[in-house]
mmCIF file of all heavy atoms, coordinates in Angstrom:
data_MODEL
# 
_entry.id   MODEL 
# 
loop_
_atom_site.group_PDB 
_atom_site.id 
_atom_site.type_symbol 
_atom_site.label_atom_id 
_atom_site.label_alt_id 
_atom_site.label_comp_id 
_atom_site.label_asym_id 
_atom_site.label_entity_id 
_atom_site.label_seq_id 
_atom_site.pdbx_PDB_ins_code 
_atom_site.Cartn_x 
_atom_site.Cartn_y 
_atom_site.Cartn_z 
_atom_site.occupancy 
_atom_site.B_iso_or_equiv 
_atom_site.pdbx_formal_charge 
_atom_site.auth_seq_id 
_atom_site.auth_comp_id 
_atom_site.auth_asym_id 
_atom_site.auth_atom_id 
_atom_site.pdbx_PDB_model_num 
ATOM 1   N N   . LEU A 1 1  ? -2.914  7.410   -2.134  1.00 0.00 ? 1  LEU A N   1 
ATOM 2   C CA  . LEU A 1 1  ? -3.725  6.486   -2.920  1.00 0.00 ? 1  LEU A CA  1 
ATOM 3   C C   . LEU A 1 1  ? -3.035  6.161   -4.234  1.00 0.00 ? 1  LEU A C   1 
ATOM 4   O O   . LEU A 1 1  ? -2.942  4.985   -4.626  1.00 0.00 ? 1  LEU A O   1 
ATOM 5   C CB  . LEU A 1 1  ? -5.102  7.097   -3.175  1.00 0.00 ? 1  LEU A CB  1 
ATOM 6   C CG  . LEU A 1 1  ? -6.093  6.264   -3.993  1.00 0.00 ? 1  LEU A CG  1 
ATOM 7   C CD1 . LEU A 1 1  ? -6.351  4.912   -3.349  1.00 0.00 ? 1  LEU A CD1 1 
ATOM 8   C CD2 . LEU A 1 1  ? -7.402  7.031   -4.161  1.00 0.00 ? 1  LEU A CD2 1 
ATOM 9   N N   . ASP A 1 2  ? -2.515  7.158   -4.915  1.00 0.00 ? 2  ASP A N   1 
ATOM 10  C CA  . ASP A 1 2  ? -1.799  6.937   -6.173  1.00 0.00 ? 2  ASP A CA  1 
ATOM 11  C C   . ASP A 1 2  ? -0.550  6.083   -5.948  1.00 0.00 ? 2  ASP A C   1 
ATOM 12  O O   . ASP A 1 2  ? -0.248  5.180   -6.740  1.00 0.00 ? 2  ASP A O   1 
ATOM 13  C CB  . ASP A 1 2  ? -1.412  8.269   -6.813  1.00 0.00 ? 2  ASP A CB  1 
ATOM 14  C CG  . ASP A 1 2  ? -2.604  9.025   -7.363  1.00 0.00 ? 2  ASP A CG  1 
ATOM 15  O OD1 . ASP A 1 2  ? -3.664  8.401   -7.564  1.00 0.00 ? 2  ASP A OD1 1 
ATOM 16  O OD2 . ASP A 1 2  ? -2.473  10.244  -7.585  1.00 0.00 ? 2  ASP A OD2 1 
ATOM 17  N N   . PHE A 1 3  ? 0.164   6.369   -4.867  1.00 0.00 ? 3  PHE A N   1 
ATOM 18  C CA  . PHE A 1 3  ? 1.376   5.615   -4.562  1.00 0.00 ? 3  PHE A CA  1 
ATOM 19  C C   . PHE A 1 3  ? 1.065   4.144   -4.330  1.00 0.00 ? 3  PHE A C   1 
ATOM 20  O O   . PHE A 1 3  ? 1.726   3.248   -4.869  1.00 0.00 ? 3  PHE A O   1 
ATOM 21  C CB  . PHE A 1 3  ? 2.060   6.215   -3.332  1.00 0.00 ? 3  PHE A CB  1 
ATOM 22  C CG  . PHE A 1 3  ? 3.241   5.428   -2.843  1.00 0.00 ? 3  PHE A CG  1 
ATOM 23  C CD1 . PHE A 1 3  ? 4.462   5.507   -3.490  1.00 0.00 ? 3  PHE A CD1 1 
ATOM 24  C CD2 . PHE A 1 3  ? 3.135   4.598   -1.727  1.00 0.00 ? 3  PHE A CD2 1 
ATOM 25  C CE1 . PHE A 1 3  ? 5.551   4.773   -3.044  1.00 0.00 ? 3  PHE A CE1 1 
ATOM 26  C CE2 . PHE A 1 3  ? 4.212   3.871   -1.268  1.00 0.00 ? 3  PHE A CE2 1 
ATOM 27  C CZ  . PHE A 1 3  ? 5.430   3.950   -1.931  1.00 0.00 ? 3  PHE A CZ  1 
ATOM 28  N N   . LEU A 1 4  ? 0.042   3.871   -3.525  1.00 0.00 ? 4  LEU A N   1 
ATOM 29  C CA  . LEU A 1 4  ? -0.299  2.487   -3.197  1.00 0.00 ? 4  LEU A CA  1 
ATOM 30  C C   . LEU A 1 4  ? -0.859  1.737   -4.393  1.00 0.00 ? 4  LEU A C   1 
ATOM 31  O O   . LEU A 1 4  ? -0.597  0.548   -4.572  1.00 0.00 ? 4  LEU A O   1 
ATOM 32  C CB  . LEU A 1 4  ? -1.291  2.457   -2.039  1.00 0.00 ? 4  LEU A CB  1 
ATOM 33  C CG  . LEU A 1 4  ? -0.750  2.955   -0.695  1.00 0.00 ? 4  LEU A CG  1 
ATOM 34  C CD1 . LEU A 1 4  ? -1.856  3.016   0.348   1.00 0.00 ? 4  LEU A CD1 1 
ATOM 35  C CD2 . LEU A 1 4  ? 0.389   2.072   -0.212  1.00 0.00 ? 4  LEU A CD2 1 
ATOM 36  N N   . ARG A 1 5  ? -1.636  2.422   -5.220  1.00 0.00 ? 5  ARG A N   1 
ATOM 37  C CA  . ARG A 1 5  ? -2.105  1.786   -6.450  1.00 0.00 ? 5  ARG A CA  1 
ATOM 38  C C   . ARG A 1 5  ? -0.935  1.380   -7.324  1.00 0.00 ? 5  ARG A C   1 
ATOM 39  O O   . ARG A 1 5  ? -0.910  0.287   -7.895  1.00 0.00 ? 5  ARG A O   1 
ATOM 40  C CB  . ARG A 1 5  ? -2.992  2.757   -7.223  1.00 0.00 ? 5  ARG A CB  1 
ATOM 41  C CG  . ARG A 1 5  ? -4.426  2.858   -6.739  1.00 0.00 ? 5  ARG A CG  1 
ATOM 42  C CD  . ARG A 1 5  ? -5.102  3.970   -7.485  1.00 0.00 ? 5  ARG A CD  1 
ATOM 43  N NE  . ARG A 1 5  ? -6.531  4.054   -7.230  1.00 0.00 ? 5  ARG A NE  1 
ATOM 44  C CZ  . ARG A 1 5  ? -7.241  5.147   -7.419  1.00 0.00 ? 5  ARG A CZ  1 
ATOM 45  N NH1 . ARG A 1 5  ? -6.650  6.251   -7.861  1.00 0.00 ? 5  ARG A NH1 1 
ATOM 46  N NH2 . ARG A 1 5  ? -8.535  5.154   -7.170  1.00 0.00 ? 5  ARG A NH2 1 
ATOM 47  N N   . GLY A 1 6  ? 0.056   2.259   -7.437  1.00 0.00 ? 6  GLY A N   1 
ATOM 48  C CA  . GLY A 1 6  ? 1.211   1.975   -8.276  1.00 0.00 ? 6  GLY A CA  1 
ATOM 49  C C   . GLY A 1 6  ? 2.015   0.788   -7.804  1.00 0.00 ? 6  GLY A C   1 
ATOM 50  O O   . GLY A 1 6  ? 2.543   0.019   -8.611  1.00 0.00 ? 6  GLY A O   1 
ATOM 51  N N   . ARG A 1 7  ? 2.092   0.613   -6.500  1.00 0.00 ? 7  ARG A N   1 
ATOM 52  C CA  . ARG A 1 7  ? 2.854   -0.520  -5.983  1.00 0.00 ? 7  ARG A CA  1 
ATOM 53  C C   . ARG A 1 7  ? 2.218   -1.850  -6.382  1.00 0.00 ? 7  ARG A C   1 
ATOM 54  O O   . ARG A 1 7  ? 2.913   -2.853  -6.530  1.00 0.00 ? 7  ARG A O   1 
ATOM 55  C CB  . ARG A 1 7  ? 2.930   -0.442  -4.456  1.00 0.00 ? 7  ARG A CB  1 
ATOM 56  C CG  . ARG A 1 7  ? 3.703   0.730   -3.943  1.00 0.00 ? 7  ARG A CG  1 
ATOM 57  C CD  . ARG A 1 7  ? 5.164   0.685   -4.292  1.00 0.00 ? 7  ARG A CD  1 
ATOM 58  N NE  . ARG A 1 7  ? 5.870   -0.338  -3.585  1.00 0.00 ? 7  ARG A NE  1 
ATOM 59  C CZ  . ARG A 1 7  ? 7.049   -0.176  -2.998  1.00 0.00 ? 7  ARG A CZ  1 
ATOM 60  N NH1 . ARG A 1 7  ? 7.649   1.004   -3.024  1.00 0.00 ? 7  ARG A NH1 1 
ATOM 61  N NH2 . ARG A 1 7  ? 7.648   -1.173  -2.396  1.00 0.00 ? 7  ARG A NH2 1 
ATOM 62  N N   . GLY A 1 8  ? 0.934   -1.857  -6.582  1.00 0.00 ? 8  GLY A N   1 
ATOM 63  C CA  . GLY A 1 8  ? 0.253   -3.089  -6.947  1.00 0.00 ? 8  GLY A CA  1 
ATOM 64  C C   . GLY A 1 8  ? 0.534   -3.555  -8.349  1.00 0.00 ? 8  GLY A C   1 
ATOM 65  O O   . GLY A 1 8  ? 0.244   -4.694  -8.713  1.00 0.00 ? 8  GLY A O   1 
ATOM 66  N N   . ARG A 1 9  ? 1.103   -2.673  -9.167  1.00 0.00 ? 9  ARG A N   1 
ATOM 67  C CA  . ARG A 1 9  ? 1.434   -3.075  -10.532 1.00 0.00 ? 9  ARG A CA  1 
ATOM 68  C C   . ARG A 1 9  ? 2.649   -3.994  -10.570 1.00 0.00 ? 9  ARG A C   1 
ATOM 69  O O   . ARG A 1 9  ? 2.924   -4.637  -11.565 1.00 0.00 ? 9  ARG A O   1 
ATOM 70  C CB  . ARG A 1 9  ? 1.689   -1.837  -11.397 1.00 0.00 ? 9  ARG A CB  1 
ATOM 71  C CG  . ARG A 1 9  ? 0.457   -0.927  -11.507 1.00 0.00 ? 9  ARG A CG  1 
ATOM 72  C CD  . ARG A 1 9  ? 0.670   0.159   -12.541 1.00 0.00 ? 9  ARG A CD  1 
ATOM 73  N NE  . ARG A 1 9  ? -0.461  1.076   -12.538 1.00 0.00 ? 9  ARG A NE  1 
ATOM 74  C CZ  . ARG A 1 9  ? -0.453  2.280   -11.981 1.00 0.00 ? 9  ARG A CZ  1 
ATOM 75  N NH1 . ARG A 1 9  ? 0.636   2.716   -11.393 1.00 0.00 ? 9  ARG A NH1 1 
ATOM 76  N NH2 . ARG A 1 9  ? -1.519  3.059   -12.016 1.00 0.00 ? 9  ARG A NH2 1 
ATOM 77  N N   . ASP A 1 10 ? 3.398   -4.005  -9.451  1.00 0.00 ? 10 ASP A N   1 
ATOM 78  C CA  . ASP A 1 10 ? 4.549   -4.893  -9.324  1.00 0.00 ? 10 ASP A CA  1 
ATOM 79  C C   . ASP A 1 10 ? 4.052   -6.247  -8.828  1.00 0.00 ? 10 ASP A C   1 
ATOM 80  O O   . ASP A 1 10 ? 3.426   -6.329  -7.775  1.00 0.00 ? 10 ASP A O   1 
ATOM 81  C CB  . ASP A 1 10 ? 5.548   -4.285  -8.332  1.00 0.00 ? 10 ASP A CB  1 
ATOM 82  C CG  . ASP A 1 10 ? 6.879   -5.010  -8.315  1.00 0.00 ? 10 ASP A CG  1 
ATOM 83  O OD1 . ASP A 1 10 ? 6.908   -6.217  -8.636  1.00 0.00 ? 10 ASP A OD1 1 
ATOM 84  O OD2 . ASP A 1 10 ? 7.885   -4.378  -7.978  1.00 0.00 ? 10 ASP A OD2 1 
ATOM 85  N N   . THR A 1 11 ? 4.334   -7.296  -9.579  1.00 0.00 ? 11 THR A N   1 
ATOM 86  C CA  . THR A 1 11 ? 3.850   -8.628  -9.191  1.00 0.00 ? 11 THR A CA  1 
ATOM 87  C C   . THR A 1 11 ? 4.653   -9.234  -8.045  1.00 0.00 ? 11 THR A C   1 
ATOM 88  O O   . THR A 1 11 ? 4.275   -10.263 -7.499  1.00 0.00 ? 11 THR A O   1 
ATOM 89  C CB  . THR A 1 11 ? 3.905   -9.591  -10.393 1.00 0.00 ? 11 THR A CB  1 
ATOM 90  O OG1 . THR A 1 11 ? 5.256   -9.632  -10.902 1.00 0.00 ? 11 THR A OG1 1 
ATOM 91  C CG2 . THR A 1 11 ? 2.961   -9.115  -11.494 1.00 0.00 ? 11 THR A CG2 1 
ATOM 92  N N   . ASN A 1 12 ? 5.751   -8.571  -7.671  1.00 0.00 ? 12 ASN A N   1 
ATOM 93  C CA  . ASN A 1 12 ? 6.568   -9.053  -6.574  1.00 0.00 ? 12 ASN A CA  1 
ATOM 94  C C   . ASN A 1 12 ? 5.849   -8.801  -5.247  1.00 0.00 ? 12 ASN A C   1 
ATOM 95  O O   . ASN A 1 12 ? 5.487   -7.673  -4.933  1.00 0.00 ? 12 ASN A O   1 
ATOM 96  C CB  . ASN A 1 12 ? 7.914   -8.319  -6.588  1.00 0.00 ? 12 ASN A CB  1 
ATOM 97  C CG  . ASN A 1 12 ? 8.838   -8.782  -5.483  1.00 0.00 ? 12 ASN A CG  1 
ATOM 98  O OD1 . ASN A 1 12 ? 8.505   -9.670  -4.697  1.00 0.00 ? 12 ASN A OD1 1 
ATOM 99  N ND2 . ASN A 1 12 ? 10.010  -8.177  -5.420  1.00 0.00 ? 12 ASN A ND2 1 
ATOM 100 N N   . GLU A 1 13 ? 5.644   -9.837  -4.451  1.00 0.00 ? 13 GLU A N   1 
ATOM 101 C CA  . GLU A 1 13 ? 4.966   -9.707  -3.162  1.00 0.00 ? 13 GLU A CA  1 
ATOM 102 C C   . GLU A 1 13 ? 5.691   -8.728  -2.245  1.00 0.00 ? 13 GLU A C   1 
ATOM 103 O O   . GLU A 1 13 ? 5.076   -8.053  -1.418  1.00 0.00 ? 13 GLU A O   1 
ATOM 104 C CB  . GLU A 1 13 ? 4.871   -11.080 -2.481  1.00 0.00 ? 13 GLU A CB  1 
ATOM 105 C CG  . GLU A 1 13 ? 4.209   -11.084 -1.116  1.00 0.00 ? 13 GLU A CG  1 
ATOM 106 C CD  . GLU A 1 13 ? 2.735   -10.717 -1.148  1.00 0.00 ? 13 GLU A CD  1 
ATOM 107 O OE1 . GLU A 1 13 ? 2.124   -10.825 -2.236  1.00 0.00 ? 13 GLU A OE1 1 
ATOM 108 O OE2 . GLU A 1 13 ? 2.201   -10.325 -0.110  1.00 0.00 ? 13 GLU A OE2 1 
ATOM 109 N N   . LEU A 1 14 ? 7.013   -8.613  -2.410  1.00 0.00 ? 14 LEU A N   1 
ATOM 110 C CA  . LEU A 1 14 ? 7.793   -7.740  -1.549  1.00 0.00 ? 14 LEU A CA  1 
ATOM 111 C C   . LEU A 1 14 ? 7.654   -6.272  -1.939  1.00 0.00 ? 14 LEU A C   1 
ATOM 112 O O   . LEU A 1 14 ? 8.311   -5.403  -1.364  1.00 0.00 ? 14 LEU A O   1 
ATOM 113 C CB  . LEU A 1 14 ? 9.272   -8.146  -1.573  1.00 0.00 ? 14 LEU A CB  1 
ATOM 114 C CG  . LEU A 1 14 ? 9.584   -9.565  -1.082  1.00 0.00 ? 14 LEU A CG  1 
ATOM 115 C CD1 . LEU A 1 14 ? 11.078  -9.796  -1.044  1.00 0.00 ? 14 LEU A CD1 1 
ATOM 116 C CD2 . LEU A 1 14 ? 8.977   -9.819  0.289   1.00 0.00 ? 14 LEU A CD2 1 
ATOM 117 N N   . ALA A 1 15 ? 6.799   -5.960  -2.879  1.00 0.00 ? 15 ALA A N   1 
ATOM 118 C CA  . ALA A 1 15 ? 6.529   -4.568  -3.225  1.00 0.00 ? 15 ALA A CA  1 
ATOM 119 C C   . ALA A 1 15 ? 5.638   -3.902  -2.198  1.00 0.00 ? 15 ALA A C   1 
ATOM 120 O O   . ALA A 1 15 ? 5.477   -2.682  -2.203  1.00 0.00 ? 15 ALA A O   1 
ATOM 121 C CB  . ALA A 1 15 ? 5.882   -4.475  -4.609  1.00 0.00 ? 15 ALA A CB  1 
ATOM 122 N N   . LEU A 1 16 ? 5.058   -4.689  -1.292  1.00 0.00 ? 16 LEU A N   1 
ATOM 123 C CA  . LEU A 1 16 ? 4.144   -4.169  -0.284  1.00 0.00 ? 16 LEU A CA  1 
ATOM 124 C C   . LEU A 1 16 ? 4.459   -4.765  1.089   1.00 0.00 ? 16 LEU A C   1 
ATOM 125 O O   . LEU A 1 16 ? 4.857   -5.925  1.189   1.00 0.00 ? 16 LEU A O   1 
ATOM 126 C CB  . LEU A 1 16 ? 2.697   -4.523  -0.632  1.00 0.00 ? 16 LEU A CB  1 
ATOM 127 C CG  . LEU A 1 16 ? 2.043   -3.788  -1.803  1.00 0.00 ? 16 LEU A CG  1 
ATOM 128 C CD1 . LEU A 1 16 ? 0.805   -4.547  -2.251  1.00 0.00 ? 16 LEU A CD1 1 
ATOM 129 C CD2 . LEU A 1 16 ? 1.687   -2.361  -1.400  1.00 0.00 ? 16 LEU A CD2 1 
ATOM 130 N N   . PRO A 1 17 ? 4.249   -3.981  2.166   1.00 0.00 ? 17 PRO A N   1 
ATOM 131 C CA  . PRO A 1 17 ? 4.316   -4.568  3.511   1.00 0.00 ? 17 PRO A CA  1 
ATOM 132 C C   . PRO A 1 17 ? 3.165   -5.553  3.685   1.00 0.00 ? 17 PRO A C   1 
ATOM 133 O O   . PRO A 1 17 ? 2.160   -5.471  2.970   1.00 0.00 ? 17 PRO A O   1 
ATOM 134 C CB  . PRO A 1 17 ? 4.138   -3.358  4.439   1.00 0.00 ? 17 PRO A CB  1 
ATOM 135 C CG  . PRO A 1 17 ? 4.390   -2.152  3.590   1.00 0.00 ? 17 PRO A CG  1 
ATOM 136 C CD  . PRO A 1 17 ? 3.980   -2.534  2.200   1.00 0.00 ? 17 PRO A CD  1 
ATOM 137 N N   . PRO A 1 18 ? 3.276   -6.464  4.631   1.00 0.00 ? 18 PRO A N   1 
ATOM 138 C CA  . PRO A 1 18 ? 2.198   -7.450  4.812   1.00 0.00 ? 18 PRO A CA  1 
ATOM 139 C C   . PRO A 1 18 ? 0.887   -6.816  5.278   1.00 0.00 ? 18 PRO A C   1 
ATOM 140 O O   . PRO A 1 18 ? -0.191  -7.287  4.912   1.00 0.00 ? 18 PRO A O   1 
ATOM 141 C CB  . PRO A 1 18 ? 2.754   -8.409  5.870   1.00 0.00 ? 18 PRO A CB  1 
ATOM 142 C CG  . PRO A 1 18 ? 3.824   -7.632  6.563   1.00 0.00 ? 18 PRO A CG  1 
ATOM 143 C CD  . PRO A 1 18 ? 4.400   -6.712  5.546   1.00 0.00 ? 18 PRO A CD  1 
ATOM 144 N N   . LYS A 1 19 ? 0.955   -5.754  6.079   1.00 0.00 ? 19 LYS A N   1 
ATOM 145 C CA  . LYS A 1 19 ? -0.230  -5.061  6.579   1.00 0.00 ? 19 LYS A CA  1 
ATOM 146 C C   . LYS A 1 19 ? 0.046   -3.555  6.640   1.00 0.00 ? 19 LYS A C   1 
ATOM 147 O O   . LYS A 1 19 ? 1.175   -3.135  6.908   1.00 0.00 ? 19 LYS A O   1 
ATOM 148 C CB  . LYS A 1 19 ? -0.631  -5.567  7.967   1.00 0.00 ? 19 LYS A CB  1 
ATOM 149 C CG  . LYS A 1 19 ? -0.957  -7.064  8.012   1.00 0.00 ? 19 LYS A CG  1 
ATOM 150 C CD  . LYS A 1 19 ? -2.235  -7.396  7.278   1.00 0.00 ? 19 LYS A CD  1 
ATOM 151 C CE  . LYS A 1 19 ? -2.449  -8.886  7.107   1.00 0.00 ? 19 LYS A CE  1 
ATOM 152 N NZ  . LYS A 1 19 ? -2.631  -9.604  8.362   1.00 0.00 ? 19 LYS A NZ  1 
ATOM 153 N N   . LEU A 1 20 ? -1.021  -2.764  6.402   1.00 0.00 ? 20 LEU A N   1 
ATOM 154 C CA  . LEU A 1 20 ? -0.922  -1.309  6.443   1.00 0.00 ? 20 LEU A CA  1 
ATOM 155 C C   . LEU A 1 20 ? -2.042  -0.770  7.331   1.00 0.00 ? 20 LEU A C   1 
ATOM 156 O O   . LEU A 1 20 ? -3.209  -1.122  7.136   1.00 0.00 ? 20 LEU A O   1 
ATOM 157 C CB  . LEU A 1 20 ? -1.061  -0.689  5.049   1.00 0.00 ? 20 LEU A CB  1 
ATOM 158 C CG  . LEU A 1 20 ? -0.076  -1.099  3.960   1.00 0.00 ? 20 LEU A CG  1 
ATOM 159 C CD1 . LEU A 1 20 ? -0.550  -2.366  3.243   1.00 0.00 ? 20 LEU A CD1 1 
ATOM 160 C CD2 . LEU A 1 20 ? 0.071   0.018   2.936   1.00 0.00 ? 20 LEU A CD2 1 
ATOM 161 N N   . TYR A 1 21 ? -1.675  0.071   8.265   1.00 0.00 ? 21 TYR A N   1 
ATOM 162 C CA  . TYR A 1 21 ? -2.641  0.603   9.231   1.00 0.00 ? 21 TYR A CA  1 
ATOM 163 C C   . TYR A 1 21 ? -2.673  2.128   9.154   1.00 0.00 ? 21 TYR A C   1 
ATOM 164 O O   . TYR A 1 21 ? -1.677  2.784   9.432   1.00 0.00 ? 21 TYR A O   1 
ATOM 165 C CB  . TYR A 1 21 ? -2.240  0.129   10.631  1.00 0.00 ? 21 TYR A CB  1 
ATOM 166 C CG  . TYR A 1 21 ? -3.032  0.712   11.780  1.00 0.00 ? 21 TYR A CG  1 
ATOM 167 C CD1 . TYR A 1 21 ? -4.366  1.083   11.648  1.00 0.00 ? 21 TYR A CD1 1 
ATOM 168 C CD2 . TYR A 1 21 ? -2.427  0.880   13.029  1.00 0.00 ? 21 TYR A CD2 1 
ATOM 169 C CE1 . TYR A 1 21 ? -5.078  1.604   12.714  1.00 0.00 ? 21 TYR A CE1 1 
ATOM 170 C CE2 . TYR A 1 21 ? -3.138  1.392   14.105  1.00 0.00 ? 21 TYR A CE2 1 
ATOM 171 C CZ  . TYR A 1 21 ? -4.461  1.754   13.938  1.00 0.00 ? 21 TYR A CZ  1 
ATOM 172 O OH  . TYR A 1 21 ? -5.165  2.267   14.983  1.00 0.00 ? 21 TYR A OH  1 
ATOM 173 N N   . PHE A 1 22 ? -3.822  2.672   8.776   1.00 0.00 ? 22 PHE A N   1 
ATOM 174 C CA  . PHE A 1 22 ? -4.008  4.120   8.752   1.00 0.00 ? 22 PHE A CA  1 
ATOM 175 C C   . PHE A 1 22 ? -4.410  4.579   10.150  1.00 0.00 ? 22 PHE A C   1 
ATOM 176 O O   . PHE A 1 22 ? -5.559  4.440   10.553  1.00 0.00 ? 22 PHE A O   1 
ATOM 177 C CB  . PHE A 1 22 ? -5.069  4.515   7.728   1.00 0.00 ? 22 PHE A CB  1 
ATOM 178 C CG  . PHE A 1 22 ? -4.609  4.402   6.310   1.00 0.00 ? 22 PHE A CG  1 
ATOM 179 C CD1 . PHE A 1 22 ? -4.791  3.225   5.598   1.00 0.00 ? 22 PHE A CD1 1 
ATOM 180 C CD2 . PHE A 1 22 ? -3.986  5.461   5.681   1.00 0.00 ? 22 PHE A CD2 1 
ATOM 181 C CE1 . PHE A 1 22 ? -4.361  3.106   4.287   1.00 0.00 ? 22 PHE A CE1 1 
ATOM 182 C CE2 . PHE A 1 22 ? -3.552  5.362   4.371   1.00 0.00 ? 22 PHE A CE2 1 
ATOM 183 C CZ  . PHE A 1 22 ? -3.739  4.189   3.667   1.00 0.00 ? 22 PHE A CZ  1 
ATOM 184 N N   . HIS A 1 23 ? -3.451  5.123   10.862  1.00 0.00 ? 23 HIS A N   1 
ATOM 185 C CA  . HIS A 1 23 ? -3.655  5.578   12.239  1.00 0.00 ? 23 HIS A CA  1 
ATOM 186 C C   . HIS A 1 23 ? -4.544  6.819   12.277  1.00 0.00 ? 23 HIS A C   1 
ATOM 187 O O   . HIS A 1 23 ? -4.346  7.764   11.509  1.00 0.00 ? 23 HIS A O   1 
ATOM 188 C CB  . HIS A 1 23 ? -2.281  5.874   12.843  1.00 0.00 ? 23 HIS A CB  1 
ATOM 189 C CG  . HIS A 1 23 ? -2.248  6.910   13.902  1.00 0.00 ? 23 HIS A CG  1 
ATOM 190 N ND1 . HIS A 1 23 ? -2.856  6.745   15.117  1.00 0.00 ? 23 HIS A ND1 1 
ATOM 191 C CD2 . HIS A 1 23 ? -1.661  8.135   13.949  1.00 0.00 ? 23 HIS A CD2 1 
ATOM 192 C CE1 . HIS A 1 23 ? -2.644  7.813   15.859  1.00 0.00 ? 23 HIS A CE1 1 
ATOM 193 N NE2 . HIS A 1 23 ? -1.931  8.675   15.166  1.00 0.00 ? 23 HIS A NE2 1 
ATOM 194 N N   . ALA A 1 24 ? -5.553  6.804   13.157  1.00 0.00 ? 24 ALA A N   1 
ATOM 195 C CA  . ALA A 1 24 ? -6.473  7.933   13.331  1.00 0.00 ? 24 ALA A CA  1 
ATOM 196 C C   . ALA A 1 24 ? -6.890  8.481   11.965  1.00 0.00 ? 24 ALA A C   1 
ATOM 197 O O   . ALA A 1 24 ? -6.699  9.650   11.661  1.00 0.00 ? 24 ALA A O   1 
ATOM 198 C CB  . ALA A 1 24 ? -5.840  9.023   14.195  1.00 0.00 ? 24 ALA A CB  1 
ATOM 199 N N   . TYR A 1 25 ? -7.478  7.612   11.168  1.00 0.00 ? 25 TYR A N   1 
ATOM 200 C CA  . TYR A 1 25 ? -7.781  7.937   9.770   1.00 0.00 ? 25 TYR A CA  1 
ATOM 201 C C   . TYR A 1 25 ? -8.658  9.190   9.670   1.00 0.00 ? 25 TYR A C   1 
ATOM 202 O O   . TYR A 1 25 ? -9.731  9.277   10.283  1.00 0.00 ? 25 TYR A O   1 
ATOM 203 C CB  . TYR A 1 25 ? -8.484  6.761   9.090   1.00 0.00 ? 25 TYR A CB  1 
ATOM 204 C CG  . TYR A 1 25 ? -8.854  7.064   7.654   1.00 0.00 ? 25 TYR A CG  1 
ATOM 205 C CD1 . TYR A 1 25 ? -7.875  7.052   6.670   1.00 0.00 ? 25 TYR A CD1 1 
ATOM 206 C CD2 . TYR A 1 25 ? -10.157 7.409   7.305   1.00 0.00 ? 25 TYR A CD2 1 
ATOM 207 C CE1 . TYR A 1 25 ? -8.195  7.350   5.353   1.00 0.00 ? 25 TYR A CE1 1 
ATOM 208 C CE2 . TYR A 1 25 ? -10.478 7.707   5.990   1.00 0.00 ? 25 TYR A CE2 1 
ATOM 209 C CZ  . TYR A 1 25 ? -9.488  7.682   5.021   1.00 0.00 ? 25 TYR A CZ  1 
ATOM 210 O OH  . TYR A 1 25 ? -9.809  8.001   3.716   1.00 0.00 ? 25 TYR A OH  1 
ATOM 211 N N   . GLY A 1 26 ? -8.194  10.138  8.854   1.00 0.00 ? 26 GLY A N   1 
ATOM 212 C CA  . GLY A 1 26 ? -8.916  11.393  8.694   1.00 0.00 ? 26 GLY A CA  1 
ATOM 213 C C   . GLY A 1 26 ? -9.280  11.722  7.269   1.00 0.00 ? 26 GLY A C   1 
ATOM 214 O O   . GLY A 1 26 ? -9.682  12.855  6.969   1.00 0.00 ? 26 GLY A O   1 
ATOM 215 N N   . GLY A 1 27 ? -9.148  10.743  6.387   1.00 0.00 ? 27 GLY A N   1 
ATOM 216 C CA  . GLY A 1 27 ? -9.486  10.979  4.985   1.00 0.00 ? 27 GLY A CA  1 
ATOM 217 C C   . GLY A 1 27 ? -10.979 10.902  4.738   1.00 0.00 ? 27 GLY A C   1 
ATOM 218 O O   . GLY A 1 27 ? -11.798 10.843  5.663   1.00 0.00 ? 27 GLY A O   1 
# 
């Protein structure tokens, strides 16, 4: 969660993959 939040601070669209899938989510 901390990692993904931090990536959003970069205004570059390429800072993130287009889609993220949490497989068999257990959180």
